[in-house]
Amino acid sequence: MAGSTTAERGERQQESSGPPPVRRLRRRHLRVIVILGLALVFLGIPTVWLFYGSDWLRAEHVSVSGTRVLTPDQVEAAADAPLGKPLISVDTDAIETRLRQKLPRIDSVDVVRSWPHGIDLKVVERTPVLIVQKAGKFVEVDDEGVRFATVSEAPKGVPALELTLSRSSSAAASLRRFGEARLVREAVGVARAVPSAVARDTRTVKVRSYDDISLELRDGRTVAWGSSEKGAAKAHTLTALMKASPGARYFDVSVPTAPASSGS
C-alpha cells in the first residue's frame, strides 16, 4: 500500500509540472496581440504620412460640371477649395455650404474627392418657372417658390408672375391668411400643373387671391384656373376643352367637373 501511494504521488507531480493549459493559452494570445500591434504601428506610420505628410495626395485642382448660367470660374471661386492641403483633410461639407450661401442659383452640389489630386464639383442649378418684374429687372422663382436670382433680361419662355391682389374683402382676407410667399407658391403650383403645350404659350400668371389664379396666353386667350388644388384634373380638362373649342378665347377650369369656354 505504501509503495502504491508513493507511485501515485509521483504521477500526480509529473502531471502538475509546467504551467496550466489556460495560462499557456493566455501567454500565446498576448504574444499574438503584441506582434499585431507592432505590425499595425509600423504599417500605420507610412500610411498616415502618405495621406497627410507627402505631396503625392494633395488637392491641386478643381473641376466643375453641370453649370448652365453660372460659369465654372464662378463656382470654383465661391467654393474656395483649400488647394495645397492634404486631399483627405478637405472638408467637403464646408465647401457645399459655401457654395449654397454664395450662389443661391445652385439647387444642389456634390463635392467629391477625385484621387490623387482633384476636387470635383457636380452642380445642379435651379430652373426658373416664373419671373417677377422688379425695378426694371427680373427675379427668377424656382419650382419651390424660391426667389434665387435677379437678372437684367427675362429668360425666354418663362411666364411672368403678377400679384394683382384685388381690394375685395375676400382677397384681403386671403392675403392676411396665407401671406404673399404662400400665394407665390400657389402660382408656382399652377405653373407646374399647366399642360406643356399651354405652358409654352403662357405669358403671365395672375394671382388675385388664393383661389383666383388665371393665365394669360401669348395670343390673348385667358384661362381661369382657380386655386392650385386639383391641378392634374384641371390640366386634363383644359386640354380637352381647348380641343373641343379651338376658337374660344376664354376657358374656365376652376371647377374641373364643370368647365366652360366662351368667345371667338
C-alpha atoms as a PDB file:
ATOM      1  CA  MET A   1       0.000   0.000   0.000  1.00  0.00           C
ATOM      2  CA  ALA A   2       2.849   2.375   0.880  1.00  0.00           C
ATOM      3  CA  GLY A   3       4.665   1.713  -2.467  1.00  0.00           C
ATOM      4  CA  SER A   4       1.493   2.233  -4.421  1.00  0.00           C
ATOM      5  CA  THR A   5       0.892   5.509  -2.676  1.00  0.00           C
ATOM      6  CA  THR A   6       4.396   6.742  -3.498  1.00  0.00           C
ATOM      7  CA  ALA A   7       3.964   5.884  -7.223  1.00  0.00           C
ATOM      8  CA  GLU A   8       0.637   7.690  -7.398  1.00  0.00           C
ATOM      9  CA  ARG A   9       2.212  10.752  -5.810  1.00  0.00           C
ATOM     10  CA  GLY A  10       4.965  10.719  -8.454  1.00  0.00           C
ATOM     11  CA  GLU A  11       2.440  10.573 -11.277  1.00  0.00           C
ATOM     12  CA  ARG A  12       0.491  13.475  -9.812  1.00  0.00           C
ATOM     13  CA  GLN A  13       3.678  15.519  -9.527  1.00  0.00           C
ATOM     14  CA  GLN A  14       4.549  14.840 -13.199  1.00  0.00           C
ATOM     15  CA  GLU A  15       1.045  15.823 -14.316  1.00  0.00           C
ATOM     16  CA  SER A  16       1.135  19.051 -12.358  1.00  0.00           C
ATOM     17  CA  SER A  17       4.586  20.134 -13.631  1.00  0.00           C
ATOM     18  CA  GLY A  18       4.589  23.137 -16.040  1.00  0.00           C
ATOM     19  CA  PRO A  19       2.012  25.954 -16.409  1.00  0.00           C
ATOM     20  CA  PRO A  20      -1.674  25.041 -16.633  1.00  0.00           C
ATOM     21  CA  PRO A  21      -3.192  24.908 -20.179  1.00  0.00           C
ATOM     22  CA  VAL A  22      -5.267  28.077 -19.613  1.00  0.00           C
ATOM     23  CA  ARG A  23      -2.187  30.045 -18.589  1.00  0.00           C
ATOM     24  CA  ARG A  24      -0.271  28.835 -21.655  1.00  0.00           C
ATOM     25  CA  LEU A  25      -3.141  29.989 -23.939  1.00  0.00           C
ATOM     26  CA  ARG A  26      -3.181  33.409 -22.317  1.00  0.00           C
ATOM     27  CA  ARG A  27       0.541  33.856 -22.904  1.00  0.00           C
ATOM     28  CA  ARG A  28       0.180  32.781 -26.518  1.00  0.00           C
ATOM     29  CA  HIS A  29      -2.675  35.232 -27.096  1.00  0.00           C
ATOM     30  CA  LEU A  30      -0.656  38.015 -25.512  1.00  0.00           C
ATOM     31  CA  ARG A  31       2.254  37.362 -27.869  1.00  0.00           C
ATOM     32  CA  VAL A  32      -0.088  37.461 -30.894  1.00  0.00           C
ATOM     33  CA  ILE A  33      -1.614  40.765 -29.749  1.00  0.00           C
ATOM     34  CA  VAL A  34       1.807  42.324 -29.235  1.00  0.00           C
ATOM     35  CA  ILE A  35       3.005  41.186 -32.685  1.00  0.00           C
ATOM     36  CA  LEU A  36      -0.151  42.512 -34.372  1.00  0.00           C
ATOM     37  CA  GLY A  37       0.118  45.801 -32.511  1.00  0.00           C
ATOM     38  CA  LEU A  38       3.704  46.301 -33.626  1.00  0.00           C
ATOM     39  CA  ALA A  39       2.772  45.432 -37.206  1.00  0.00           C
ATOM     40  CA  LEU A  40      -0.050  47.999 -37.208  1.00  0.00           C
ATOM     41  CA  VAL A  41       2.248  50.649 -35.823  1.00  0.00           C
ATOM     42  CA  PHE A  42       4.916  50.058 -38.468  1.00  0.00           C
ATOM     43  CA  LEU A  43       2.311  49.855 -41.250  1.00  0.00           C
ATOM     44  CA  GLY A  44       0.266  52.796 -39.959  1.00  0.00           C
ATOM     45  CA  ILE A  45       3.072  55.328 -39.794  1.00  0.00           C
ATOM     46  CA  PRO A  46       3.802  55.184 -43.566  1.00  0.00           C
ATOM     47  CA  THR A  47       0.066  55.261 -44.331  1.00  0.00           C
ATOM     48  CA  VAL A  48      -0.536  58.365 -42.214  1.00  0.00           C
ATOM     49  CA  TRP A  49       2.492  60.029 -43.778  1.00  0.00           C
ATOM     50  CA  LEU A  50       1.253  59.138 -47.273  1.00  0.00           C
ATOM     51  CA  PHE A  51      -2.142  60.800 -46.731  1.00  0.00           C
ATOM     52  CA  TYR A  52      -1.106  63.745 -44.583  1.00  0.00           C
ATOM     53  CA  GLY A  53       2.606  64.388 -44.953  1.00  0.00           C
ATOM     54  CA  SER A  54       3.548  63.593 -48.522  1.00  0.00           C
ATOM     55  CA  ASP A  55       2.973  65.677 -51.652  1.00  0.00           C
ATOM     56  CA  TRP A  56       1.514  62.735 -53.547  1.00  0.00           C
ATOM     57  CA  LEU A  57      -2.104  63.077 -52.341  1.00  0.00           C
ATOM     58  CA  ARG A  58      -2.646  66.819 -52.084  1.00  0.00           C
ATOM     59  CA  ALA A  59      -5.505  68.884 -53.569  1.00  0.00           C
ATOM     60  CA  GLU A  60      -4.114  70.581 -56.667  1.00  0.00           C
ATOM     61  CA  HIS A  61      -7.060  71.370 -58.943  1.00  0.00           C
ATOM     62  CA  VAL A  62     -10.874  71.791 -59.012  1.00  0.00           C
ATOM     63  CA  SER A  63     -13.167  70.638 -61.817  1.00  0.00           C
ATOM     64  CA  VAL A  64     -16.739  71.913 -62.241  1.00  0.00           C
ATOM     65  CA  SER A  65     -19.582  70.272 -64.182  1.00  0.00           C
ATOM     66  CA  GLY A  66     -23.323  70.858 -64.629  1.00  0.00           C
ATOM     67  CA  THR A  67     -23.351  74.646 -64.912  1.00  0.00           C
ATOM     68  CA  ARG A  68     -25.738  76.372 -67.318  1.00  0.00           C
ATOM     69  CA  VAL A  69     -25.975  80.042 -66.325  1.00  0.00           C
ATOM     70  CA  LEU A  70     -23.121  80.091 -63.830  1.00  0.00           C
ATOM     71  CA  THR A  71     -19.572  79.751 -65.103  1.00  0.00           C
ATOM     72  CA  PRO A  72     -17.086  77.177 -63.799  1.00  0.00           C
ATOM     73  CA  ASP A  73     -14.850  80.043 -62.659  1.00  0.00           C
ATOM     74  CA  GLN A  74     -17.677  81.492 -60.525  1.00  0.00           C
ATOM     75  CA  VAL A  75     -18.297  78.133 -58.884  1.00  0.00           C
ATOM     76  CA  GLU A  76     -14.611  77.481 -58.259  1.00  0.00           C
ATOM     77  CA  ALA A  77     -14.130  80.917 -56.706  1.00  0.00           C
ATOM     78  CA  ALA A  78     -17.151  80.512 -54.416  1.00  0.00           C
ATOM     79  CA  ALA A  79     -16.032  77.024 -53.361  1.00  0.00           C
ATOM     80  CA  ASP A  80     -12.698  78.394 -52.114  1.00  0.00           C
ATOM     81  CA  ALA A  81     -11.242  74.880 -52.019  1.00  0.00           C
ATOM     82  CA  PRO A  82      -8.068  74.544 -49.884  1.00  0.00           C
ATOM     83  CA  LEU A  83      -5.603  73.752 -52.652  1.00  0.00           C
ATOM     84  CA  GLY A  84      -2.226  72.564 -51.461  1.00  0.00           C
ATOM     85  CA  LYS A  85      -3.711  70.807 -48.449  1.00  0.00           C
ATOM     86  CA  PRO A  86      -3.904  67.020 -47.999  1.00  0.00           C
ATOM     87  CA  LEU A  87      -6.834  65.804 -50.075  1.00  0.00           C
ATOM     88  CA  ILE A  88      -8.088  63.565 -47.282  1.00  0.00           C
ATOM     89  CA  SER A  89      -8.464  66.576 -44.951  1.00  0.00           C
ATOM     90  CA  VAL A  90     -10.639  68.614 -47.359  1.00  0.00           C
ATOM     91  CA  ASP A  91     -13.977  69.412 -45.668  1.00  0.00           C
ATOM     92  CA  THR A  92     -16.459  68.665 -48.446  1.00  0.00           C
ATOM     93  CA  ASP A  93     -19.452  69.731 -46.317  1.00  0.00           C
ATOM     94  CA  ALA A  94     -17.902  73.154 -45.743  1.00  0.00           C
ATOM     95  CA  ILE A  95     -17.374  73.611 -49.490  1.00  0.00           C
ATOM     96  CA  GLU A  96     -21.019  72.686 -50.151  1.00  0.00           C
ATOM     97  CA  THR A  97     -22.197  75.178 -47.524  1.00  0.00           C
ATOM     98  CA  ARG A  98     -20.113  77.989 -49.032  1.00  0.00           C
ATOM     99  CA  LEU A  99     -21.469  77.307 -52.499  1.00  0.00           C
ATOM    100  CA  ARG A 100     -25.094  77.345 -51.342  1.00  0.00           C
ATOM    101  CA  GLN A 101     -24.584  80.563 -49.397  1.00  0.00           C
ATOM    102  CA  LYS A 102     -22.659  82.454 -52.069  1.00  0.00           C
ATOM    103  CA  LEU A 103     -24.525  81.164 -55.141  1.00  0.00           C
ATOM    104  CA  PRO A 104     -28.294  80.805 -54.468  1.00  0.00           C
ATOM    105  CA  ARG A 105     -28.742  79.708 -58.063  1.00  0.00           C
ATOM    106  CA  ILE A 106     -27.266  76.345 -57.064  1.00  0.00           C
ATOM    107  CA  ASP A 107     -30.017  73.887 -56.161  1.00  0.00           C
ATOM    108  CA  SER A 108     -27.665  71.054 -55.179  1.00  0.00           C
ATOM    109  CA  VAL A 109     -23.975  70.257 -55.423  1.00  0.00           C
ATOM    110  CA  ASP A 110     -21.991  67.081 -54.938  1.00  0.00           C
ATOM    111  CA  VAL A 111     -18.452  67.686 -53.685  1.00  0.00           C
ATOM    112  CA  VAL A 112     -16.230  64.676 -54.391  1.00  0.00           C
ATOM    113  CA  ARG A 113     -12.546  63.976 -53.752  1.00  0.00           C
ATOM    114  CA  SER A 114     -11.038  62.815 -57.036  1.00  0.00           C
ATOM    115  CA  TRP A 115      -7.852  60.952 -56.104  1.00  0.00           C
ATOM    116  CA  PRO A 116      -4.998  61.626 -56.211  1.00  0.00           C
ATOM    117  CA  HIS A 117      -5.162  65.425 -56.666  1.00  0.00           C
ATOM    118  CA  GLY A 118      -8.631  66.649 -57.642  1.00  0.00           C
ATOM    119  CA  ILE A 119     -11.857  68.027 -56.168  1.00  0.00           C
ATOM    120  CA  ASP A 120     -14.949  67.576 -58.365  1.00  0.00           C
ATOM    121  CA  LEU A 121     -17.943  69.907 -58.006  1.00  0.00           C
ATOM    122  CA  LYS A 122     -21.071  68.485 -59.653  1.00  0.00           C
ATOM    123  CA  VAL A 123     -23.615  71.308 -59.771  1.00  0.00           C
ATOM    124  CA  VAL A 124     -27.365  71.319 -60.389  1.00  0.00           C
ATOM    125  CA  GLU A 125     -28.761  74.819 -60.964  1.00  0.00           C
ATOM    126  CA  ARG A 126     -32.245  75.988 -60.102  1.00  0.00           C
ATOM    127  CA  THR A 127     -34.619  76.366 -63.052  1.00  0.00           C
ATOM    128  CA  PRO A 128     -36.995  79.352 -63.142  1.00  0.00           C
ATOM    129  CA  VAL A 129     -40.681  78.561 -63.597  1.00  0.00           C
ATOM    130  CA  LEU A 130     -41.834  82.166 -63.050  1.00  0.00           C
ATOM    131  CA  ILE A 131     -40.276  85.616 -63.104  1.00  0.00           C
ATOM    132  CA  VAL A 132     -41.252  88.705 -61.106  1.00  0.00           C
ATOM    133  CA  GLN A 133     -40.500  92.117 -62.581  1.00  0.00           C
ATOM    134  CA  LYS A 134     -38.976  94.490 -60.055  1.00  0.00           C
ATOM    135  CA  ALA A 135     -37.329  97.868 -60.608  1.00  0.00           C
ATOM    136  CA  GLY A 136     -36.664  97.173 -64.267  1.00  0.00           C
ATOM    137  CA  LYS A 137     -35.122  93.768 -63.567  1.00  0.00           C
ATOM    138  CA  PHE A 138     -36.434  90.242 -63.235  1.00  0.00           C
ATOM    139  CA  VAL A 139     -36.426  87.985 -60.192  1.00  0.00           C
ATOM    140  CA  GLU A 140     -36.334  84.280 -61.017  1.00  0.00           C
ATOM    141  CA  VAL A 141     -38.557  81.924 -58.999  1.00  0.00           C
ATOM    142  CA  ASP A 142     -37.990  78.154 -58.995  1.00  0.00           C
ATOM    143  CA  ASP A 143     -40.445  75.263 -58.646  1.00  0.00           C
ATOM    144  CA  GLU A 144     -40.335  75.518 -54.838  1.00  0.00           C
ATOM    145  CA  GLY A 145     -41.207  79.206 -54.807  1.00  0.00           C
ATOM    146  CA  VAL A 146     -37.622  80.260 -54.014  1.00  0.00           C
ATOM    147  CA  ARG A 147     -36.570  83.623 -55.441  1.00  0.00           C
ATOM    148  CA  PHE A 148     -32.987  82.779 -56.249  1.00  0.00           C
ATOM    149  CA  ALA A 149     -31.596  85.322 -58.716  1.00  0.00           C
ATOM    150  CA  THR A 150     -32.146  88.788 -60.194  1.00  0.00           C
ATOM    151  CA  VAL A 151     -31.290  89.228 -63.867  1.00  0.00           C
ATOM    152  CA  SER A 152     -31.404  92.162 -66.257  1.00  0.00           C
ATOM    153  CA  GLU A 153     -33.100  90.200 -69.053  1.00  0.00           C
ATOM    154  CA  ALA A 154     -36.081  87.898 -68.693  1.00  0.00           C
ATOM    155  CA  PRO A 155     -35.267  84.268 -69.523  1.00  0.00           C
ATOM    156  CA  LYS A 156     -37.060  83.127 -72.651  1.00  0.00           C
ATOM    157  CA  GLY A 157     -40.178  81.021 -72.283  1.00  0.00           C
ATOM    158  CA  VAL A 158     -40.682  81.746 -68.587  1.00  0.00           C
ATOM    159  CA  PRO A 159     -44.042  83.360 -67.735  1.00  0.00           C
ATOM    160  CA  ALA A 160     -44.259  86.473 -65.588  1.00  0.00           C
ATOM    161  CA  LEU A 161     -45.952  86.426 -62.194  1.00  0.00           C
ATOM    162  CA  GLU A 162     -48.330  89.279 -61.416  1.00  0.00           C
ATOM    163  CA  LEU A 163     -49.662  89.675 -57.895  1.00  0.00           C
ATOM    164  CA  THR A 164     -52.665  91.829 -58.725  1.00  0.00           C
ATOM    165  CA  LEU A 165     -54.430  91.398 -55.415  1.00  0.00           C
ATOM    166  CA  SER A 166     -57.849  92.994 -55.628  1.00  0.00           C
ATOM    167  CA  ARG A 167     -59.270  95.205 -52.906  1.00  0.00           C
ATOM    168  CA  SER A 168     -62.202  92.926 -52.289  1.00  0.00           C
ATOM    169  CA  SER A 169     -62.717  91.634 -48.790  1.00  0.00           C
ATOM    170  CA  SER A 170     -62.088  88.063 -49.886  1.00  0.00           C
ATOM    171  CA  ALA A 171     -58.742  88.949 -51.495  1.00  0.00           C
ATOM    172  CA  ALA A 172     -57.642  90.905 -48.436  1.00  0.00           C
ATOM    173  CA  ALA A 173     -58.615  88.006 -46.209  1.00  0.00           C
ATOM    174  CA  SER A 174     -56.701  85.634 -48.481  1.00  0.00           C
ATOM    175  CA  LEU A 175     -53.554  87.771 -48.218  1.00  0.00           C
ATOM    176  CA  ARG A 176     -53.816  88.011 -44.441  1.00  0.00           C
ATOM    177  CA  ARG A 177     -54.388  84.287 -44.083  1.00  0.00           C
ATOM    178  CA  PHE A 178     -51.762  82.935 -46.471  1.00  0.00           C
ATOM    179  CA  GLY A 179     -49.258  85.768 -46.941  1.00  0.00           C
ATOM    180  CA  GLU A 180     -47.550  86.800 -50.150  1.00  0.00           C
ATOM    181  CA  ALA A 181     -44.966  83.994 -50.038  1.00  0.00           C
ATOM    182  CA  ARG A 182     -47.704  81.350 -49.888  1.00  0.00           C
ATOM    183  CA  LEU A 183     -49.564  82.969 -52.788  1.00  0.00           C
ATOM    184  CA  VAL A 184     -46.357  82.890 -54.826  1.00  0.00           C
ATOM    185  CA  ARG A 185     -46.018  79.171 -54.102  1.00  0.00           C
ATOM    186  CA  GLU A 186     -49.623  78.679 -55.215  1.00  0.00           C
ATOM    187  CA  ALA A 187     -48.804  80.388 -58.509  1.00  0.00           C
ATOM    188  CA  VAL A 188     -45.776  78.123 -58.872  1.00  0.00           C
ATOM    189  CA  GLY A 189     -48.027  75.106 -58.307  1.00  0.00           C
ATOM    190  CA  VAL A 190     -50.300  76.286 -61.101  1.00  0.00           C
ATOM    191  CA  ALA A 191     -47.366  76.893 -63.461  1.00  0.00           C
ATOM    192  CA  ARG A 192     -46.116  73.352 -62.816  1.00  0.00           C
ATOM    193  CA  ALA A 193     -49.519  71.792 -63.437  1.00  0.00           C
ATOM    194  CA  VAL A 194     -50.342  73.575 -66.698  1.00  0.00           C
ATOM    195  CA  PRO A 195     -50.150  71.247 -69.736  1.00  0.00           C
ATOM    196  CA  SER A 196     -46.836  71.603 -71.554  1.00  0.00           C
ATOM    197  CA  ALA A 197     -48.469  72.845 -74.771  1.00  0.00           C
ATOM    198  CA  VAL A 198     -50.235  75.608 -72.826  1.00  0.00           C
ATOM    199  CA  ALA A 199     -47.178  76.360 -70.680  1.00  0.00           C
ATOM    200  CA  ARG A 200     -45.161  77.209 -73.789  1.00  0.00           C
ATOM    201  CA  ASP A 201     -47.780  79.834 -74.710  1.00  0.00           C
ATOM    202  CA  THR A 202     -48.289  81.247 -71.218  1.00  0.00           C
ATOM    203  CA  ARG A 203     -47.203  84.857 -70.907  1.00  0.00           C
ATOM    204  CA  THR A 204     -48.489  85.742 -67.441  1.00  0.00           C
ATOM    205  CA  VAL A 205     -49.736  84.020 -64.308  1.00  0.00           C
ATOM    206  CA  LYS A 206     -52.005  86.422 -62.416  1.00  0.00           C
ATOM    207  CA  VAL A 207     -52.813  85.990 -58.745  1.00  0.00           C
ATOM    208  CA  ARG A 208     -55.761  87.942 -57.352  1.00  0.00           C
ATOM    209  CA  SER A 209     -56.313  85.709 -54.336  1.00  0.00           C
ATOM    210  CA  TYR A 210     -55.650  82.132 -53.181  1.00  0.00           C
ATOM    211  CA  ASP A 211     -58.477  80.698 -55.312  1.00  0.00           C
ATOM    212  CA  ASP A 212     -58.387  83.251 -58.131  1.00  0.00           C
ATOM    213  CA  ILE A 213     -55.364  82.483 -60.298  1.00  0.00           C
ATOM    214  CA  SER A 214     -55.519  82.871 -64.066  1.00  0.00           C
ATOM    215  CA  LEU A 215     -53.282  82.511 -67.112  1.00  0.00           C
ATOM    216  CA  GLU A 216     -52.836  84.954 -69.975  1.00  0.00           C
ATOM    217  CA  LEU A 217     -51.573  83.278 -73.130  1.00  0.00           C
ATOM    218  CA  ARG A 218     -49.404  84.956 -75.752  1.00  0.00           C
ATOM    219  CA  ASP A 219     -52.173  85.019 -78.321  1.00  0.00           C
ATOM    220  CA  GLY A 220     -54.543  86.865 -75.962  1.00  0.00           C
ATOM    221  CA  ARG A 221     -56.533  83.878 -74.674  1.00  0.00           C
ATOM    222  CA  THR A 222     -57.292  83.627 -70.960  1.00  0.00           C
ATOM    223  CA  VAL A 223     -57.596  80.633 -68.641  1.00  0.00           C
ATOM    224  CA  ALA A 224     -59.352  80.893 -65.264  1.00  0.00           C
ATOM    225  CA  TRP A 225     -57.571  78.262 -63.162  1.00  0.00           C
ATOM    226  CA  GLY A 226     -58.761  78.989 -59.640  1.00  0.00           C
ATOM    227  CA  SER A 227     -56.524  77.647 -56.862  1.00  0.00           C
ATOM    228  CA  SER A 228     -53.614  75.261 -57.320  1.00  0.00           C
ATOM    229  CA  GLU A 229     -55.709  72.373 -55.991  1.00  0.00           C
ATOM    230  CA  LYS A 230     -56.686  69.513 -58.325  1.00  0.00           C
ATOM    231  CA  GLY A 231     -54.009  70.597 -60.785  1.00  0.00           C
ATOM    232  CA  ALA A 232     -53.867  67.302 -62.701  1.00  0.00           C
ATOM    233  CA  ALA A 233     -57.647  67.235 -63.206  1.00  0.00           C
ATOM    234  CA  LYS A 234     -57.656  70.869 -64.361  1.00  0.00           C
ATOM    235  CA  ALA A 235     -54.814  70.226 -66.800  1.00  0.00           C
ATOM    236  CA  HIS A 236     -56.658  67.253 -68.318  1.00  0.00           C
ATOM    237  CA  THR A 237     -59.909  69.239 -68.539  1.00  0.00           C
ATOM    238  CA  LEU A 238     -58.193  72.254 -70.153  1.00  0.00           C
ATOM    239  CA  THR A 239     -56.582  70.099 -72.831  1.00  0.00           C
ATOM    240  CA  ALA A 240     -59.932  68.525 -73.704  1.00  0.00           C
ATOM    241  CA  LEU A 241     -61.732  71.894 -73.597  1.00  0.00           C
ATOM    242  CA  MET A 242     -59.274  73.557 -75.961  1.00  0.00           C
ATOM    243  CA  LYS A 243     -59.642  70.708 -78.437  1.00  0.00           C
ATOM    244  CA  ALA A 244     -63.432  70.902 -78.254  1.00  0.00           C
ATOM    245  CA  SER A 245     -63.498  74.718 -78.588  1.00  0.00           C
ATOM    246  CA  PRO A 246     -60.488  75.690 -80.721  1.00  0.00           C
ATOM    247  CA  GLY A 247     -61.878  79.159 -81.458  1.00  0.00           C
ATOM    248  CA  ALA A 248     -62.659  80.102 -77.851  1.00  0.00           C
ATOM    249  CA  ARG A 249     -60.844  82.975 -76.177  1.00  0.00           C
ATOM    250  CA  TYR A 250     -61.737  82.249 -72.577  1.00  0.00           C
ATOM    251  CA  PHE A 251     -61.544  78.976 -70.679  1.00  0.00           C
ATOM    252  CA  ASP A 252     -62.649  78.300 -67.116  1.00  0.00           C
ATOM    253  CA  VAL A 253     -61.396  75.145 -65.395  1.00  0.00           C
ATOM    254  CA  SER A 254     -61.557  76.429 -61.823  1.00  0.00           C
ATOM    255  CA  VAL A 255     -64.143  73.679 -61.251  1.00  0.00           C
ATOM    256  CA  PRO A 256     -62.765  70.883 -63.454  1.00  0.00           C
ATOM    257  CA  THR A 257     -66.019  68.896 -63.365  1.00  0.00           C
ATOM    258  CA  ALA A 258     -67.931  71.898 -64.759  1.00  0.00           C
ATOM    259  CA  PRO A 259     -65.631  73.655 -67.281  1.00  0.00           C
ATOM    260  CA  ALA A 260     -66.703  76.467 -69.546  1.00  0.00           C
ATOM    261  CA  SER A 261     -65.426  78.319 -72.601  1.00  0.00           C
ATOM    262  CA  SER A 262     -66.604  81.395 -74.445  1.00  0.00           C
ATOM    263  CA  GLY A 263     -65.617  83.991 -77.054  1.00  0.00           C
ATOM    264  CA  SER A 264     -64.477  83.530 -80.595  1.00  0.00           C
END
